[in-house]
């Protein structure tokens, strides 16, 4: 695990659109922080605890604003050098049911998974309105990042698409264990617009990254980074056969517990550990 001093050496490069270890670490960290709730009864993001946790490693964090409506939660984070919208992932059965709905909605410039689109829209006016308000009182312009884990990654993808449609600049989007969000033709549009600044991490046997199925017409987009059983990161060149064999190895290492393996590989802490290590396969 990365020490406090090592964390302090990881910095966000606010205007670097290319893959960056500091940006990847802090986006994974913010995706995890979005899970901090006020209590078991109140799943709204705990703004005070999140800000305290962040400032413990970087005093540049200024503000955390939480959003919660139905099964959608997110935080808008202001740092002295950038903003980030971090969307929370699935932590209830209802969220999973939303994920498995295969309905399609025609929105923006293409076709989006209805459940993921609606989940984002449930809080979009509020989070975007707060972002606009923060910009007005800021002493200088600051770039925007998007991040999220699981359903949160899907929502971050929708947020990036909205910014693209509205021609609003953003630095990059980092997602972890996200499901497929758009239909195949729409994924081509997204790749044309932001493949070089959209980074999608997929950990070993994480089943969420494989739904909805390609057979249903859904497709991923962005730069694909696969994390293998040794927690080494592989870039887009990883072929289907290698990924398949690595899944088999994961199964062999934990015979009879493929379901458990798939769930463990979906854990945001697994992703955070991999980006902390930042070890790439040769």
Protein backbone atom coordinates (compact mmCIF):
# COMPACT_ATOMS: atom_id res chain seq x y z
CA UNK A 1 0.00 0.00 0.00
CA UNK A 2 1.25 3.48 -0.82
CA UNK A 3 2.52 5.46 2.16
CA UNK A 4 1.35 8.97 3.08
CA UNK A 5 4.60 10.46 1.75
CA UNK A 6 4.28 8.56 -1.54
CA UNK A 7 0.71 9.79 -1.95
CA UNK A 8 1.93 13.36 -1.56
CA UNK A 9 4.28 12.84 -4.52
CA UNK A 10 1.33 11.88 -6.74
CA UNK A 11 -0.04 15.08 -8.18
CA UNK A 12 -2.78 15.83 -10.66
CA UNK A 13 -1.54 17.39 -13.88
CA UNK A 14 -4.60 19.57 -14.51
CA UNK A 15 -4.09 20.12 -18.23
CA UNK A 16 -2.57 16.77 -19.20
CA UNK A 17 -5.09 14.94 -21.34
CA UNK A 18 -2.84 11.92 -21.93
CA UNK A 19 -2.64 8.99 -19.52
CA UNK A 20 -0.93 10.14 -16.34
CA UNK A 21 -0.11 8.22 -13.12
CA UNK A 22 -0.95 11.13 -10.83
CA UNK A 23 -4.25 11.78 -12.56
CA UNK A 24 -5.13 8.07 -12.53
CA UNK A 25 -4.36 7.77 -8.81
CA UNK A 26 -6.40 10.78 -7.77
CA UNK A 27 -9.33 9.90 -10.00
CA UNK A 28 -9.43 6.40 -8.46
CA UNK A 29 -9.14 7.98 -5.04
CA UNK A 30 -12.01 10.40 -5.71
CA UNK A 31 -14.12 7.55 -7.12
CA UNK A 32 -13.59 5.72 -3.82
CA UNK A 33 -14.27 8.81 -1.71
CA UNK A 34 -17.66 9.17 -3.40
CA UNK A 35 -18.76 6.05 -1.47
CA UNK A 36 -18.47 7.75 1.93
CA UNK A 37 -22.04 8.13 3.20
CA UNK A 38 -23.35 10.09 6.16
CA UNK A 39 -24.80 6.96 7.78
CA UNK A 40 -26.39 3.60 7.05
CA UNK A 41 -29.76 5.34 7.00
CA UNK A 42 -28.60 8.36 4.97
CA UNK A 43 -26.58 7.42 1.90
CA UNK A 44 -25.89 11.02 0.92
CA UNK A 45 -22.15 11.70 0.48
CA UNK A 46 -20.53 12.84 3.72
CA UNK A 47 -18.97 16.07 2.49
CA UNK A 48 -17.06 16.85 5.70
CA UNK A 49 -15.47 13.40 6.05
CA UNK A 50 -14.56 13.29 2.37
CA UNK A 51 -12.91 16.71 2.46
CA UNK A 52 -11.01 15.83 5.64
CA UNK A 53 -9.74 12.61 4.06
CA UNK A 54 -8.62 14.39 0.90
CA UNK A 55 -6.95 17.30 2.69
CA UNK A 56 -5.01 14.79 4.77
CA UNK A 57 -3.01 13.97 1.63
CA UNK A 58 -3.32 17.21 -0.36
CA UNK A 59 -4.05 20.57 1.25
CA UNK A 60 -5.07 21.95 -2.14
CA UNK A 61 -8.58 20.54 -1.85
CA UNK A 62 -11.05 23.34 -1.14
CA UNK A 63 -14.59 22.02 -1.21
CA UNK A 64 -16.74 18.90 -1.58
CA UNK A 65 -20.42 19.17 -2.50
CA UNK A 66 -22.54 16.03 -2.35
CA UNK A 67 -25.58 15.09 -4.44
CA UNK A 68 -28.11 12.33 -3.85
CA UNK A 69 -31.40 11.55 -5.57
CA UNK A 70 -33.04 8.13 -5.77
CA UNK A 71 -30.20 5.66 -6.46
CA UNK A 72 -27.80 8.29 -7.85
CA UNK A 73 -25.04 9.88 -5.80
CA UNK A 74 -22.04 12.00 -6.73
CA UNK A 75 -19.64 14.60 -5.42
CA UNK A 76 -18.37 17.78 -7.01
CA UNK A 77 -14.83 18.39 -5.78
CA UNK A 78 -13.02 21.70 -6.02
CA UNK A 79 -9.24 21.74 -5.81
CA UNK A 80 -7.26 24.94 -6.11
CA UNK A 81 -6.11 23.73 -9.55
CA UNK A 82 -9.09 21.78 -10.94
CA UNK A 83 -12.65 20.50 -10.53
CA UNK A 84 -13.82 16.89 -10.57
CA UNK A 85 -17.23 15.28 -10.79
CA UNK A 86 -16.95 11.86 -9.11
CA UNK A 87 -19.96 9.56 -9.42
CA UNK A 88 -20.75 6.78 -6.96
CA UNK A 89 -21.06 3.18 -8.05
CA UNK A 90 -23.55 0.45 -7.24
CA UNK A 91 -23.96 -0.59 -3.63
CA UNK A 92 -27.58 -1.74 -3.55
CA UNK A 93 -29.60 -4.41 -5.35
CA UNK A 94 -31.80 -1.72 -6.88
CA UNK A 95 -28.71 -0.25 -8.57
CA UNK A 96 -27.91 -3.63 -10.11
CA UNK A 97 -31.45 -3.94 -11.43
CA UNK A 98 -31.05 -0.53 -13.04
CA UNK A 99 -27.81 -1.73 -14.64
CA UNK A 100 -29.40 -4.84 -16.13
CA UNK A 101 -32.19 -2.92 -17.89
CA UNK A 102 -31.27 -3.13 -21.58
CA UNK A 103 -33.56 -0.35 -22.84
CA UNK A 104 -31.99 2.26 -25.13
CA UNK A 105 -32.65 6.00 -25.24
CA UNK A 106 -31.83 8.30 -28.15
CA UNK A 107 -30.01 11.21 -26.53
CA UNK A 108 -27.44 13.80 -27.60
CA UNK A 109 -25.64 12.37 -30.64
CA UNK A 110 -26.52 8.69 -30.25
CA UNK A 111 -28.03 5.81 -28.29
CA UNK A 112 -27.43 5.46 -24.56
CA UNK A 113 -28.38 2.81 -22.02
CA UNK A 114 -31.63 4.16 -20.55
CA UNK A 115 -30.82 3.25 -16.95
CA UNK A 116 -27.41 4.92 -16.99
CA UNK A 117 -28.76 7.99 -18.78
CA UNK A 118 -31.60 8.41 -16.27
CA UNK A 119 -29.29 7.82 -13.30
CA UNK A 120 -27.11 10.71 -14.49
CA UNK A 121 -30.07 12.95 -15.28
CA UNK A 122 -31.46 12.44 -11.76
CA UNK A 123 -28.67 14.65 -10.38
CA UNK A 124 -27.33 16.41 -13.48
CA UNK A 125 -29.12 19.75 -13.16
CA UNK A 126 -27.99 20.06 -9.55
CA UNK A 127 -24.36 19.09 -10.04
CA UNK A 128 -23.91 21.11 -13.23
CA UNK A 129 -25.63 24.11 -11.63
CA UNK A 130 -23.22 24.00 -8.66
CA UNK A 131 -20.30 23.70 -11.06
CA UNK A 132 -21.45 26.81 -12.92
CA UNK A 133 -21.82 28.66 -9.61
CA UNK A 134 -18.30 27.70 -8.49
CA UNK A 135 -16.86 28.89 -11.80
CA UNK A 136 -18.44 32.31 -11.38
CA UNK A 137 -16.71 32.96 -8.05
CA UNK A 138 -13.39 31.34 -8.95
CA UNK A 139 -10.42 33.67 -9.34
CA UNK A 140 -9.30 31.86 -12.49
CA UNK A 141 -10.52 29.17 -14.90
CA UNK A 142 -9.84 25.59 -13.82
CA UNK A 143 -10.14 22.37 -15.84
CA UNK A 144 -12.69 19.61 -15.24
CA UNK A 145 -12.17 15.87 -14.70
CA UNK A 146 -14.74 13.08 -14.56
CA UNK A 147 -14.41 9.81 -12.68
CA UNK A 148 -16.45 6.97 -11.27
CA UNK A 149 -16.49 3.29 -10.39
CA UNK A 150 -19.11 0.76 -11.56
CA UNK A 151 -22.40 2.60 -12.19
CA UNK A 152 -20.43 5.74 -11.32
CA UNK A 153 -18.16 5.08 -14.29
CA UNK A 154 -21.19 4.82 -16.54
CA UNK A 155 -22.48 8.13 -15.19
CA UNK A 156 -19.07 9.75 -15.68
CA UNK A 157 -19.22 8.57 -19.30
CA UNK A 158 -22.62 10.22 -19.76
CA UNK A 159 -21.31 13.42 -18.16
CA UNK A 160 -18.38 13.47 -20.60
CA UNK A 161 -20.80 12.96 -23.50
CA UNK A 162 -22.90 15.92 -22.34
CA UNK A 163 -19.82 18.14 -22.19
CA UNK A 164 -18.87 16.99 -25.70
CA UNK A 165 -22.35 17.75 -27.02
CA UNK A 166 -22.33 21.21 -25.40
CA UNK A 167 -18.74 21.84 -26.56
CA UNK A 168 -17.57 22.39 -22.97
CA UNK A 169 -13.88 21.53 -22.47
CA UNK A 170 -12.70 18.91 -19.99
CA UNK A 171 -9.26 17.44 -19.38
CA UNK A 172 -10.03 13.74 -19.14
CA UNK A 173 -12.25 10.99 -17.77
CA UNK A 174 -11.02 7.98 -15.78
CA UNK A 175 -13.41 5.11 -15.05
CA UNK A 176 -12.97 1.89 -13.09
CA UNK A 177 -15.01 -1.26 -13.66
CA UNK A 178 -17.67 0.53 -15.66
CA UNK A 179 -20.35 -1.28 -17.69
CA UNK A 180 -21.01 -0.58 -21.36
CA UNK A 181 -23.00 2.63 -21.76
CA UNK A 182 -23.68 3.21 -25.46
CA UNK A 183 -24.56 1.37 -28.65
CA UNK A 184 -21.86 0.53 -31.16
CA UNK A 185 -22.32 3.51 -33.49
CA UNK A 186 -22.35 5.92 -30.56
CA UNK A 187 -19.12 4.41 -29.24
CA UNK A 188 -17.48 5.34 -32.54
CA UNK A 189 -18.57 8.94 -32.07
CA UNK A 190 -17.19 8.96 -28.54
CA UNK A 191 -13.89 7.50 -29.70
CA UNK A 192 -13.60 10.18 -32.37
CA UNK A 193 -14.22 12.86 -29.78
CA UNK A 194 -12.30 11.70 -26.72
CA UNK A 195 -10.52 8.34 -27.02
CA UNK A 196 -7.15 9.91 -26.18
CA UNK A 197 -8.49 11.46 -22.96
CA UNK A 198 -10.89 8.75 -21.79
CA UNK A 199 -9.29 5.93 -19.77
CA UNK A 200 -11.25 2.81 -18.88
CA UNK A 201 -9.70 0.42 -16.35
CA UNK A 202 -10.91 -3.20 -16.17
CA UNK A 203 -9.65 -5.47 -13.39
CA UNK A 204 -9.15 -9.16 -14.28
CA UNK A 205 -12.50 -10.99 -13.90
CA UNK A 206 -14.63 -7.95 -13.07
CA UNK A 207 -17.97 -9.01 -14.54
CA UNK A 208 -19.51 -5.52 -14.49
CA UNK A 209 -17.18 -4.37 -17.28
CA UNK A 210 -18.71 -7.08 -19.50
CA UNK A 211 -22.35 -5.97 -19.29
CA UNK A 212 -24.55 -5.20 -21.12
CA UNK A 213 -23.28 -7.77 -23.60
CA UNK A 214 -21.87 -6.91 -27.02
CA UNK A 215 -24.47 -9.28 -28.47
CA UNK A 216 -27.06 -6.73 -27.34
CA UNK A 217 -25.39 -4.07 -29.47
CA UNK A 218 -23.55 -2.27 -26.67
CA UNK A 219 -19.92 -1.27 -26.96
CA UNK A 220 -17.18 0.27 -24.85
CA UNK A 221 -15.13 3.27 -25.94
CA UNK A 222 -12.00 5.09 -24.82
CA UNK A 223 -8.50 3.84 -24.08
CA UNK A 224 -8.71 0.38 -22.53
CA UNK A 225 -6.40 -0.55 -19.64
CA UNK A 226 -6.63 -4.14 -18.44
CA UNK A 227 -5.34 -5.14 -14.98
CA UNK A 228 -4.17 -8.76 -14.90
CA UNK A 229 -3.94 -11.26 -12.04
CA UNK A 230 -0.50 -9.87 -11.09
CA UNK A 231 -1.95 -6.33 -10.89
CA UNK A 232 0.07 -5.33 -13.93
CA UNK A 233 -1.59 -2.88 -16.32
CA UNK A 234 -1.86 -3.76 -19.99
CA UNK A 235 -2.66 -1.14 -22.65
CA UNK A 236 -5.11 -1.50 -25.55
CA UNK A 237 -2.91 -4.00 -27.38
CA UNK A 238 -4.04 -6.83 -25.09
CA UNK A 239 -5.83 -9.31 -27.35
CA UNK A 240 -9.01 -11.24 -26.69
CA UNK A 241 -7.14 -14.51 -26.29
CA UNK A 242 -4.79 -13.11 -23.65
CA UNK A 243 -7.73 -11.66 -21.69
CA UNK A 244 -9.57 -14.96 -21.96
CA UNK A 245 -6.57 -16.97 -20.75
CA UNK A 246 -6.04 -14.56 -17.88
CA UNK A 247 -9.67 -15.05 -16.87
CA UNK A 248 -9.10 -18.80 -16.97
CA UNK A 249 -6.02 -18.37 -14.77
CA UNK A 250 -8.06 -16.33 -12.32
CA UNK A 251 -10.58 -19.15 -12.24
CA UNK A 252 -7.91 -21.81 -11.74
CA UNK A 253 -6.38 -19.84 -8.87
CA UNK A 254 -9.75 -19.80 -7.13
CA UNK A 255 -11.55 -22.93 -8.36
CA UNK A 256 -15.23 -22.99 -7.69
CA UNK A 257 -15.37 -19.34 -6.65
CA UNK A 258 -15.63 -17.57 -9.99
CA UNK A 259 -18.64 -15.63 -8.74
CA UNK A 260 -16.72 -14.46 -5.69
CA UNK A 261 -13.66 -13.68 -7.82
CA UNK A 262 -15.73 -11.54 -10.16
CA UNK A 263 -17.15 -9.60 -7.21
CA UNK A 264 -13.77 -9.12 -5.54
CA UNK A 265 -12.24 -7.93 -8.81
CA UNK A 266 -14.97 -5.28 -9.00
CA UNK A 267 -13.94 -3.72 -5.66
CA UNK A 268 -12.76 -0.11 -6.08
CA UNK A 269 -9.90 -0.84 -3.66
CA UNK A 270 -8.51 -3.38 -6.15
CA UNK A 271 -8.43 -0.68 -8.81
CA UNK A 272 -6.88 1.86 -6.47
CA UNK A 273 -4.12 -0.58 -5.51
CA UNK A 274 -3.30 -1.21 -9.18
CA UNK A 275 -3.01 2.47 -10.07
CA UNK A 276 -0.94 3.07 -6.93
CA UNK A 277 1.49 0.39 -8.12
CA UNK A 278 1.43 1.71 -11.72
CA UNK A 279 3.26 -1.34 -13.04
CA UNK A 280 2.86 -1.99 -16.78
CA UNK A 281 3.27 -5.36 -18.46
CA UNK A 282 6.16 -5.47 -20.93
